[in-house]
Amino acid sequence: MASDNQRLQCCFQEWMTTQEQELSELLQALNLKENDVNSSENTYAKLAEKSINSFQEYIDKRNQLSRRDVSGLFAPSWNTALENSLLWIAGCRPSMYIRLTYALCGSQVELHLPEILQGLVRGDLGQISATQLGKINDLHMKTMKEEERLSNNLASLQENIADQPIAVIAKRLCRVGESSGDVDLALDEHKSSMASMLQEADKLRLSTLKELLGILTPVQGVDFLAASKKLHLCMHEWGKTRDHRHGRN
């Protein structure tokens, strides 16, 4: 029978496989895009919806598994050291979606400036409107406020380890690391609080992504999703290369 850690690792590996498959579909759709963007908007909308649904399935599955071993998600052994150094409550910061959008907008404007000046319509993030940017900025402010709230809550949970009852129990033990019913009860309560924190963070990640895609056009949404998934997969591969370089595998 698979251990809790093996189940979590399997969940992650399945997610990465899904990321690769969806990236291929997104890139194919972008490569086939011609000047008439509107003719394919329904196709792009369906691809974006598929990505949202697969993300929802992934976080639902790992939140279910987190009730058994949430610590494994906050310091996942299947991640590279590089990836773990970037984690925020067992995942990426939701505000990174918006920072990535800004970066893509700037790079694509620079890349396709001659076409933009000629009035050619590409429909990608290089032609995002002022109205859209205003809405994205509002979303950015709202998301950062929620991130700060969750970060403060996480800090409180971590500080609780030095508070009652865990610290007092540890002081009274006759032997270091000795197990007891009181220890298990206190640590299980901490685990439950961390699992709830993970669910809140995942909910924010999903809602931020949904709102962002709601602001972007279908073509821009596919453009963003392809870049986002490619970045995620690249960070994993770059991390493996660095782990090998430092003898961590």
C-alpha atoms as a PDB file:
ATOM      1  CA  MET A   1       0.000   0.000   0.000  1.00  0.00           C
ATOM      2  CA  ALA A   2       1.332   3.451  -0.952  1.00  0.00           C
ATOM      3  CA  SER A   3       2.459   5.741   1.860  1.00  0.00           C
ATOM      4  CA  ASP A   4       1.037   9.234   2.352  1.00  0.00           C
ATOM      5  CA  ASN A   5       4.224  10.732   0.913  1.00  0.00           C
ATOM      6  CA  GLN A   6       4.005   8.482  -2.146  1.00  0.00           C
ATOM      7  CA  ARG A   7       0.393   9.537  -2.712  1.00  0.00           C
ATOM      8  CA  LEU A   8       1.382  13.203  -2.518  1.00  0.00           C
ATOM      9  CA  GLN A   9       4.305  12.661  -4.871  1.00  0.00           C
ATOM     10  CA  CYS A  10       2.076  10.803  -7.320  1.00  0.00           C
ATOM     11  CA  CYS A  11      -0.421  13.671  -7.189  1.00  0.00           C
ATOM     12  CA  PHE A  12       2.374  16.125  -8.043  1.00  0.00           C
ATOM     13  CA  GLN A  13       3.761  13.987 -10.870  1.00  0.00           C
ATOM     14  CA  GLU A  14       0.306  13.639 -12.403  1.00  0.00           C
ATOM     15  CA  TRP A  15      -0.082  17.429 -12.204  1.00  0.00           C
ATOM     16  CA  MET A  16       3.256  18.006 -13.943  1.00  0.00           C
ATOM     17  CA  THR A  17       2.263  15.581 -16.697  1.00  0.00           C
ATOM     18  CA  THR A  18      -0.999  17.478 -17.112  1.00  0.00           C
ATOM     19  CA  GLN A  19       0.964  20.739 -17.284  1.00  0.00           C
ATOM     20  CA  GLU A  20       3.100  19.364 -20.108  1.00  0.00           C
ATOM     21  CA  GLN A  21       0.088  18.115 -22.043  1.00  0.00           C
ATOM     22  CA  GLU A  22      -1.826  21.365 -21.675  1.00  0.00           C
ATOM     23  CA  LEU A  23       1.215  23.443 -22.591  1.00  0.00           C
ATOM     24  CA  SER A  24       1.491  21.495 -25.844  1.00  0.00           C
ATOM     25  CA  GLU A  25      -2.191  22.168 -26.612  1.00  0.00           C
ATOM     26  CA  LEU A  26      -1.894  25.867 -25.773  1.00  0.00           C
ATOM     27  CA  LEU A  27       1.222  26.362 -27.891  1.00  0.00           C
ATOM     28  CA  GLN A  28      -0.368  24.539 -30.791  1.00  0.00           C
ATOM     29  CA  ALA A  29      -3.406  26.813 -30.622  1.00  0.00           C
ATOM     30  CA  LEU A  30      -1.208  29.916 -30.529  1.00  0.00           C
ATOM     31  CA  ASN A  31       0.903  28.707 -33.446  1.00  0.00           C
ATOM     32  CA  LEU A  32      -2.205  28.117 -35.552  1.00  0.00           C
ATOM     33  CA  LYS A  33      -3.604  31.555 -34.767  1.00  0.00           C
ATOM     34  CA  GLU A  34      -3.837  33.817 -37.796  1.00  0.00           C
ATOM     35  CA  ASN A  35      -4.888  37.448 -38.184  1.00  0.00           C
ATOM     36  CA  ASP A  36      -8.585  36.677 -37.711  1.00  0.00           C
ATOM     37  CA  VAL A  37      -8.519  36.190 -33.928  1.00  0.00           C
ATOM     38  CA  ASN A  38     -12.293  36.282 -33.447  1.00  0.00           C
ATOM     39  CA  SER A  39     -12.863  33.146 -35.511  1.00  0.00           C
ATOM     40  CA  SER A  40     -11.092  31.035 -32.875  1.00  0.00           C
ATOM     41  CA  GLU A  41     -12.092  32.761 -29.649  1.00  0.00           C
ATOM     42  CA  ASN A  42     -14.337  29.875 -28.633  1.00  0.00           C
ATOM     43  CA  THR A  43     -11.421  27.468 -28.994  1.00  0.00           C
ATOM     44  CA  TYR A  44      -9.210  29.618 -26.775  1.00  0.00           C
ATOM     45  CA  ALA A  45     -11.952  30.019 -24.188  1.00  0.00           C
ATOM     46  CA  LYS A  46     -12.362  26.236 -23.987  1.00  0.00           C
ATOM     47  CA  LEU A  47      -8.616  25.749 -23.533  1.00  0.00           C
ATOM     48  CA  ALA A  48      -8.555  28.280 -20.698  1.00  0.00           C
ATOM     49  CA  GLU A  49     -11.552  26.600 -19.055  1.00  0.00           C
ATOM     50  CA  LYS A  50      -9.828  23.226 -19.345  1.00  0.00           C
ATOM     51  CA  SER A  51      -6.764  24.609 -17.552  1.00  0.00           C
ATOM     52  CA  ILE A  52      -8.909  26.050 -14.769  1.00  0.00           C
ATOM     53  CA  ASN A  53     -10.752  22.752 -14.328  1.00  0.00           C
ATOM     54  CA  SER A  54      -7.538  20.720 -14.159  1.00  0.00           C
ATOM     55  CA  PHE A  55      -6.115  23.145 -11.579  1.00  0.00           C
ATOM     56  CA  GLN A  56      -9.300  22.798  -9.529  1.00  0.00           C
ATOM     57  CA  GLU A  57      -9.022  18.996  -9.666  1.00  0.00           C
ATOM     58  CA  TYR A  58      -5.384  19.136  -8.600  1.00  0.00           C
ATOM     59  CA  ILE A  59      -5.929  21.348  -5.565  1.00  0.00           C
ATOM     60  CA  ASP A  60      -9.015  19.361  -4.548  1.00  0.00           C
ATOM     61  CA  LYS A  61      -6.984  16.153  -4.607  1.00  0.00           C
ATOM     62  CA  ARG A  62      -4.005  17.522  -2.731  1.00  0.00           C
ATOM     63  CA  ASN A  63      -6.198  19.269  -0.158  1.00  0.00           C
ATOM     64  CA  GLN A  64      -7.838  15.928   0.517  1.00  0.00           C
ATOM     65  CA  LEU A  65      -4.404  14.300   0.907  1.00  0.00           C
ATOM     66  CA  SER A  66      -3.203  17.180   3.110  1.00  0.00           C
ATOM     67  CA  ARG A  67      -5.549  16.079   5.881  1.00  0.00           C
ATOM     68  CA  ARG A  68      -3.244  13.081   6.338  1.00  0.00           C
ATOM     69  CA  ASP A  69       0.191  14.671   5.793  1.00  0.00           C
ATOM     70  CA  VAL A  70       0.165  18.422   5.320  1.00  0.00           C
ATOM     71  CA  SER A  71       3.828  18.833   6.328  1.00  0.00           C
ATOM     72  CA  GLY A  72       4.858  16.976   3.189  1.00  0.00           C
ATOM     73  CA  LEU A  73       3.296  19.735   1.081  1.00  0.00           C
ATOM     74  CA  PHE A  74       5.039  22.571   2.898  1.00  0.00           C
ATOM     75  CA  ALA A  75       8.451  20.933   2.348  1.00  0.00           C
ATOM     76  CA  PRO A  76       7.903  18.525  -0.566  1.00  0.00           C
ATOM     77  CA  SER A  77      10.680  15.996  -1.146  1.00  0.00           C
ATOM     78  CA  TRP A  78       9.698  15.721  -4.818  1.00  0.00           C
ATOM     79  CA  ASN A  79      10.458  19.389  -5.446  1.00  0.00           C
ATOM     80  CA  THR A  80      13.936  20.675  -6.166  1.00  0.00           C
ATOM     81  CA  ALA A  81      15.719  22.895  -3.649  1.00  0.00           C
ATOM     82  CA  LEU A  82      15.190  25.843  -6.000  1.00  0.00           C
ATOM     83  CA  GLU A  83      11.429  25.260  -6.100  1.00  0.00           C
ATOM     84  CA  ASN A  84      11.170  24.834  -2.334  1.00  0.00           C
ATOM     85  CA  SER A  85      13.028  28.125  -1.816  1.00  0.00           C
ATOM     86  CA  LEU A  86      10.256  29.885  -3.748  1.00  0.00           C
ATOM     87  CA  LEU A  87       7.259  28.300  -2.017  1.00  0.00           C
ATOM     88  CA  TRP A  88       4.576  30.392  -0.343  1.00  0.00           C
ATOM     89  CA  ILE A  89       2.157  28.240   1.693  1.00  0.00           C
ATOM     90  CA  ALA A  90       2.931  25.129  -0.390  1.00  0.00           C
ATOM     91  CA  GLY A  91       2.648  26.864  -3.754  1.00  0.00           C
ATOM     92  CA  CYS A  92       3.331  30.051  -5.669  1.00  0.00           C
ATOM     93  CA  ARG A  93       2.200  33.493  -4.603  1.00  0.00           C
ATOM     94  CA  PRO A  94      -1.034  34.345  -6.472  1.00  0.00           C
ATOM     95  CA  SER A  95       0.348  37.821  -7.146  1.00  0.00           C
ATOM     96  CA  MET A  96       2.990  36.164  -9.323  1.00  0.00           C
ATOM     97  CA  TYR A  97       0.271  35.611 -11.943  1.00  0.00           C
ATOM     98  CA  ILE A  98      -0.144  39.351 -12.221  1.00  0.00           C
ATOM     99  CA  ARG A  99       3.585  40.101 -12.184  1.00  0.00           C
ATOM    100  CA  LEU A 100       3.973  37.594 -15.005  1.00  0.00           C
ATOM    101  CA  THR A 101       1.187  39.309 -16.947  1.00  0.00           C
ATOM    102  CA  TYR A 102       2.953  42.668 -16.629  1.00  0.00           C
ATOM    103  CA  ALA A 103       6.244  41.124 -17.771  1.00  0.00           C
ATOM    104  CA  LEU A 104       4.622  39.476 -20.783  1.00  0.00           C
ATOM    105  CA  CYS A 105       2.841  42.681 -21.770  1.00  0.00           C
ATOM    106  CA  GLY A 106       6.087  44.637 -21.729  1.00  0.00           C
ATOM    107  CA  SER A 107       8.130  42.049 -23.612  1.00  0.00           C
ATOM    108  CA  GLN A 108       5.525  41.549 -26.325  1.00  0.00           C
ATOM    109  CA  VAL A 109       5.013  45.269 -26.878  1.00  0.00           C
ATOM    110  CA  GLU A 110       8.761  45.597 -27.404  1.00  0.00           C
ATOM    111  CA  LEU A 111       8.913  42.544 -29.670  1.00  0.00           C
ATOM    112  CA  HIS A 112       5.976  43.516 -31.891  1.00  0.00           C
ATOM    113  CA  LEU A 113       6.187  47.303 -31.713  1.00  0.00           C
ATOM    114  CA  PRO A 114       6.428  47.806 -35.521  1.00  0.00           C
ATOM    115  CA  GLU A 115       3.248  45.751 -36.078  1.00  0.00           C
ATOM    116  CA  ILE A 116       1.425  47.578 -33.290  1.00  0.00           C
ATOM    117  CA  LEU A 117       2.367  50.939 -34.783  1.00  0.00           C
ATOM    118  CA  GLN A 118       0.999  49.768 -38.128  1.00  0.00           C
ATOM    119  CA  GLY A 119      -2.308  48.932 -36.476  1.00  0.00           C
ATOM    120  CA  LEU A 120      -2.010  45.185 -37.038  1.00  0.00           C
ATOM    121  CA  VAL A 121      -4.144  43.129 -34.652  1.00  0.00           C
ATOM    122  CA  ARG A 122      -2.411  40.234 -32.914  1.00  0.00           C
ATOM    123  CA  GLY A 123      -4.766  39.985 -29.955  1.00  0.00           C
ATOM    124  CA  ASP A 124      -2.059  38.836 -27.520  1.00  0.00           C
ATOM    125  CA  LEU A 125      -0.841  40.413 -24.286  1.00  0.00           C
ATOM    126  CA  GLY A 126       1.116  42.984 -26.243  1.00  0.00           C
ATOM    127  CA  GLN A 127      -2.181  44.678 -27.096  1.00  0.00           C
ATOM    128  CA  ILE A 128      -3.785  44.772 -23.675  1.00  0.00           C
ATOM    129  CA  SER A 129      -6.000  47.814 -23.150  1.00  0.00           C
ATOM    130  CA  ALA A 130      -5.790  50.561 -20.551  1.00  0.00           C
ATOM    131  CA  THR A 131      -9.134  49.401 -19.126  1.00  0.00           C
ATOM    132  CA  GLN A 132      -7.779  45.879 -18.705  1.00  0.00           C
ATOM    133  CA  LEU A 133      -4.613  47.152 -17.033  1.00  0.00           C
ATOM    134  CA  GLY A 134      -6.714  49.127 -14.581  1.00  0.00           C
ATOM    135  CA  LYS A 135      -8.701  46.026 -13.635  1.00  0.00           C
ATOM    136  CA  ILE A 136      -5.526  43.962 -13.343  1.00  0.00           C
ATOM    137  CA  ASN A 137      -4.009  46.577 -11.038  1.00  0.00           C
ATOM    138  CA  ASP A 138      -7.127  46.449  -8.821  1.00  0.00           C
ATOM    139  CA  LEU A 139      -6.846  42.660  -8.726  1.00  0.00           C
ATOM    140  CA  HIS A 140      -3.162  42.969  -7.852  1.00  0.00           C
ATOM    141  CA  MET A 141      -3.894  45.216  -4.864  1.00  0.00           C
ATOM    142  CA  LYS A 142      -6.660  42.939  -3.623  1.00  0.00           C
ATOM    143  CA  THR A 143      -4.517  39.825  -4.016  1.00  0.00           C
ATOM    144  CA  MET A 144      -1.540  41.295  -2.158  1.00  0.00           C
ATOM    145  CA  LYS A 145      -3.818  42.294   0.713  1.00  0.00           C
ATOM    146  CA  GLU A 146      -5.055  38.701   1.006  1.00  0.00           C
ATOM    147  CA  GLU A 147      -1.510  37.369   0.752  1.00  0.00           C
ATOM    148  CA  GLU A 148      -0.470  39.589   3.635  1.00  0.00           C
ATOM    149  CA  ARG A 149      -3.390  38.364   5.740  1.00  0.00           C
ATOM    150  CA  LEU A 150      -2.534  34.716   5.093  1.00  0.00           C
ATOM    151  CA  SER A 151       1.188  35.314   5.685  1.00  0.00           C
ATOM    152  CA  ASN A 152       0.385  36.841   9.075  1.00  0.00           C
ATOM    153  CA  ASN A 153      -1.837  33.887   9.938  1.00  0.00           C
ATOM    154  CA  LEU A 154       0.929  31.462   8.944  1.00  0.00           C
ATOM    155  CA  ALA A 155       3.426  33.368  11.100  1.00  0.00           C
ATOM    156  CA  SER A 156       1.076  33.034  14.061  1.00  0.00           C
ATOM    157  CA  LEU A 157       0.765  29.271  13.525  1.00  0.00           C
ATOM    158  CA  GLN A 158       4.549  28.912  13.374  1.00  0.00           C
ATOM    159  CA  GLU A 159       5.012  31.006  16.521  1.00  0.00           C
ATOM    160  CA  ASN A 160       2.513  28.818  18.342  1.00  0.00           C
ATOM    161  CA  ILE A 161       5.123  26.044  18.436  1.00  0.00           C
ATOM    162  CA  ALA A 162       6.990  28.075  21.063  1.00  0.00           C
ATOM    163  CA  ASP A 163       3.778  28.641  23.009  1.00  0.00           C
ATOM    164  CA  GLN A 164       1.477  26.387  25.017  1.00  0.00           C
ATOM    165  CA  PRO A 165       0.838  23.518  24.943  1.00  0.00           C
ATOM    166  CA  ILE A 166       3.652  22.173  22.717  1.00  0.00           C
ATOM    167  CA  ALA A 167       6.559  24.042  24.329  1.00  0.00           C
ATOM    168  CA  VAL A 168       5.378  23.164  27.841  1.00  0.00           C
ATOM    169  CA  ILE A 169       4.939  19.494  26.929  1.00  0.00           C
ATOM    170  CA  ALA A 170       8.471  19.366  25.488  1.00  0.00           C
ATOM    171  CA  LYS A 171       9.951  20.881  28.666  1.00  0.00           C
ATOM    172  CA  ARG A 172       8.254  18.325  30.901  1.00  0.00           C
ATOM    173  CA  LEU A 173       9.333  15.255  28.911  1.00  0.00           C
ATOM    174  CA  CYS A 174      11.789  12.922  30.595  1.00  0.00           C
ATOM    175  CA  ARG A 175      13.435  11.973  27.295  1.00  0.00           C
ATOM    176  CA  VAL A 176      14.009  14.074  24.175  1.00  0.00           C
ATOM    177  CA  GLY A 177      11.527  13.131  21.454  1.00  0.00           C
ATOM    178  CA  GLU A 178       9.436  11.004  23.791  1.00  0.00           C
ATOM    179  CA  SER A 179       5.946  10.426  22.414  1.00  0.00           C
ATOM    180  CA  SER A 180       2.742  10.881  24.354  1.00  0.00           C
ATOM    181  CA  GLY A 181      -0.948  11.368  23.844  1.00  0.00           C
ATOM    182  CA  ASP A 182      -0.638  15.056  24.667  1.00  0.00           C
ATOM    183  CA  VAL A 183       2.102  15.501  22.060  1.00  0.00           C
ATOM    184  CA  ASP A 184       0.083  13.760  19.356  1.00  0.00           C
ATOM    185  CA  LEU A 185      -3.023  15.770  20.217  1.00  0.00           C
ATOM    186  CA  ALA A 186      -1.172  19.093  20.069  1.00  0.00           C
ATOM    187  CA  LEU A 187       0.656  18.282  16.834  1.00  0.00           C
ATOM    188  CA  ASP A 188      -2.542  16.977  15.218  1.00  0.00           C
ATOM    189  CA  GLU A 189      -4.239  20.259  16.075  1.00  0.00           C
ATOM    190  CA  HIS A 190      -1.333  22.144  14.494  1.00  0.00           C
ATOM    191  CA  LYS A 191      -1.565  19.896  11.412  1.00  0.00           C
ATOM    192  CA  SER A 192      -5.271  20.623  11.057  1.00  0.00           C
ATOM    193  CA  SER A 193      -4.626  24.373  11.226  1.00  0.00           C
ATOM    194  CA  MET A 194      -1.897  24.110   8.574  1.00  0.00           C
ATOM    195  CA  ALA A 195      -4.195  22.109   6.297  1.00  0.00           C
ATOM    196  CA  SER A 196      -6.862  24.803   6.614  1.00  0.00           C
ATOM    197  CA  MET A 197      -4.230  27.428   5.804  1.00  0.00           C
ATOM    198  CA  LEU A 198      -3.259  25.480   2.672  1.00  0.00           C
ATOM    199  CA  GLN A 199      -6.885  25.375   1.550  1.00  0.00           C
ATOM    200  CA  GLU A 200      -7.209  29.139   1.966  1.00  0.00           C
ATOM    201  CA  ALA A 201      -4.018  29.740  -0.024  1.00  0.00           C
ATOM    202  CA  ASP A 202      -5.116  27.395  -2.810  1.00  0.00           C
ATOM    203  CA  LYS A 203      -8.514  29.087  -2.898  1.00  0.00           C
ATOM    204  CA  LEU A 204      -6.767  32.445  -3.375  1.00  0.00           C
ATOM    205  CA  ARG A 205      -4.523  31.032  -6.097  1.00  0.00           C
ATOM    206  CA  LEU A 206      -7.517  29.666  -7.987  1.00  0.00           C
ATOM    207  CA  SER A 207      -9.742  32.732  -7.566  1.00  0.00           C
ATOM    208  CA  THR A 208      -6.932  35.079  -8.643  1.00  0.00           C
ATOM    209  CA  LEU A 209      -6.297  33.014 -11.762  1.00  0.00           C
ATOM    210  CA  LYS A 210      -9.995  32.943 -12.607  1.00  0.00           C
ATOM    211  CA  GLU A 211     -10.372  36.703 -12.156  1.00  0.00           C
ATOM    212  CA  LEU A 212      -7.279  37.394 -14.239  1.00  0.00           C
ATOM    213  CA  LEU A 213      -8.498  35.211 -17.085  1.00  0.00           C
ATOM    214  CA  GLY A 214     -11.869  36.947 -16.825  1.00  0.00           C
ATOM    215  CA  ILE A 215     -10.153  40.281 -17.487  1.00  0.00           C
ATOM    216  CA  LEU A 216      -8.052  38.996 -20.387  1.00  0.00           C
ATOM    217  CA  THR A 217      -9.514  38.086 -23.770  1.00  0.00           C
ATOM    218  CA  PRO A 218      -9.553  34.353 -24.607  1.00  0.00           C
ATOM    219  CA  VAL A 219      -6.466  34.731 -26.819  1.00  0.00           C
ATOM    220  CA  GLN A 220      -4.622  36.708 -24.141  1.00  0.00           C
ATOM    221  CA  GLY A 221      -5.650  34.111 -21.563  1.00  0.00           C
ATOM    222  CA  VAL A 222      -4.149  31.288 -23.615  1.00  0.00           C
ATOM    223  CA  ASP A 223      -1.038  33.405 -24.159  1.00  0.00           C
ATOM    224  CA  PHE A 224      -0.704  33.885 -20.386  1.00  0.00           C
ATOM    225  CA  LEU A 225      -1.426  30.235 -19.515  1.00  0.00           C
ATOM    226  CA  ALA A 226       1.156  28.950 -21.986  1.00  0.00           C
ATOM    227  CA  ALA A 227       3.830  31.250 -20.524  1.00  0.00           C
ATOM    228  CA  SER A 228       2.827  30.369 -16.962  1.00  0.00           C
ATOM    229  CA  LYS A 229       2.976  26.607 -17.510  1.00  0.00           C
ATOM    230  CA  LYS A 230       6.244  26.866 -19.406  1.00  0.00           C
ATOM    231  CA  LEU A 231       7.784  28.876 -16.557  1.00  0.00           C
ATOM    232  CA  HIS A 232       6.593  26.297 -14.011  1.00  0.00           C
ATOM    233  CA  LEU A 233       8.045  23.396 -15.980  1.00  0.00           C
ATOM    234  CA  CYS A 234      11.296  25.268 -16.649  1.00  0.00           C
ATOM    235  CA  MET A 235      11.788  26.036 -12.954  1.00  0.00           C
ATOM    236  CA  HIS A 236      11.440  22.330 -12.193  1.00  0.00           C
ATOM    237  CA  GLU A 237      14.034  21.347 -14.811  1.00  0.00           C
ATOM    238  CA  TRP A 238      16.430  24.168 -13.889  1.00  0.00           C
ATOM    239  CA  GLY A 239      16.111  23.107 -10.256  1.00  0.00           C
ATOM    240  CA  LYS A 240      17.027  19.511 -11.100  1.00  0.00           C
ATOM    241  CA  THR A 241      20.101  20.709 -12.991  1.00  0.00           C
ATOM    242  CA  ARG A 242      21.210  22.793 -10.006  1.00  0.00           C
ATOM    243  CA  ASP A 243      20.538  19.961  -7.554  1.00  0.00           C
ATOM    244  CA  HIS A 244      22.726  17.670  -9.660  1.00  0.00           C
ATOM    245  CA  ARG A 245      25.445  20.340  -9.778  1.00  0.00           C
ATOM    246  CA  HIS A 246      25.453  20.570  -5.968  1.00  0.00           C
ATOM    247  CA  GLY A 247      25.240  16.792  -5.409  1.00  0.00           C
ATOM    248  CA  ARG A 248      21.687  16.781  -4.079  1.00  0.00           C
ATOM    249  CA  ASN A 249      20.423  13.855  -6.173  1.00  0.00           C
END
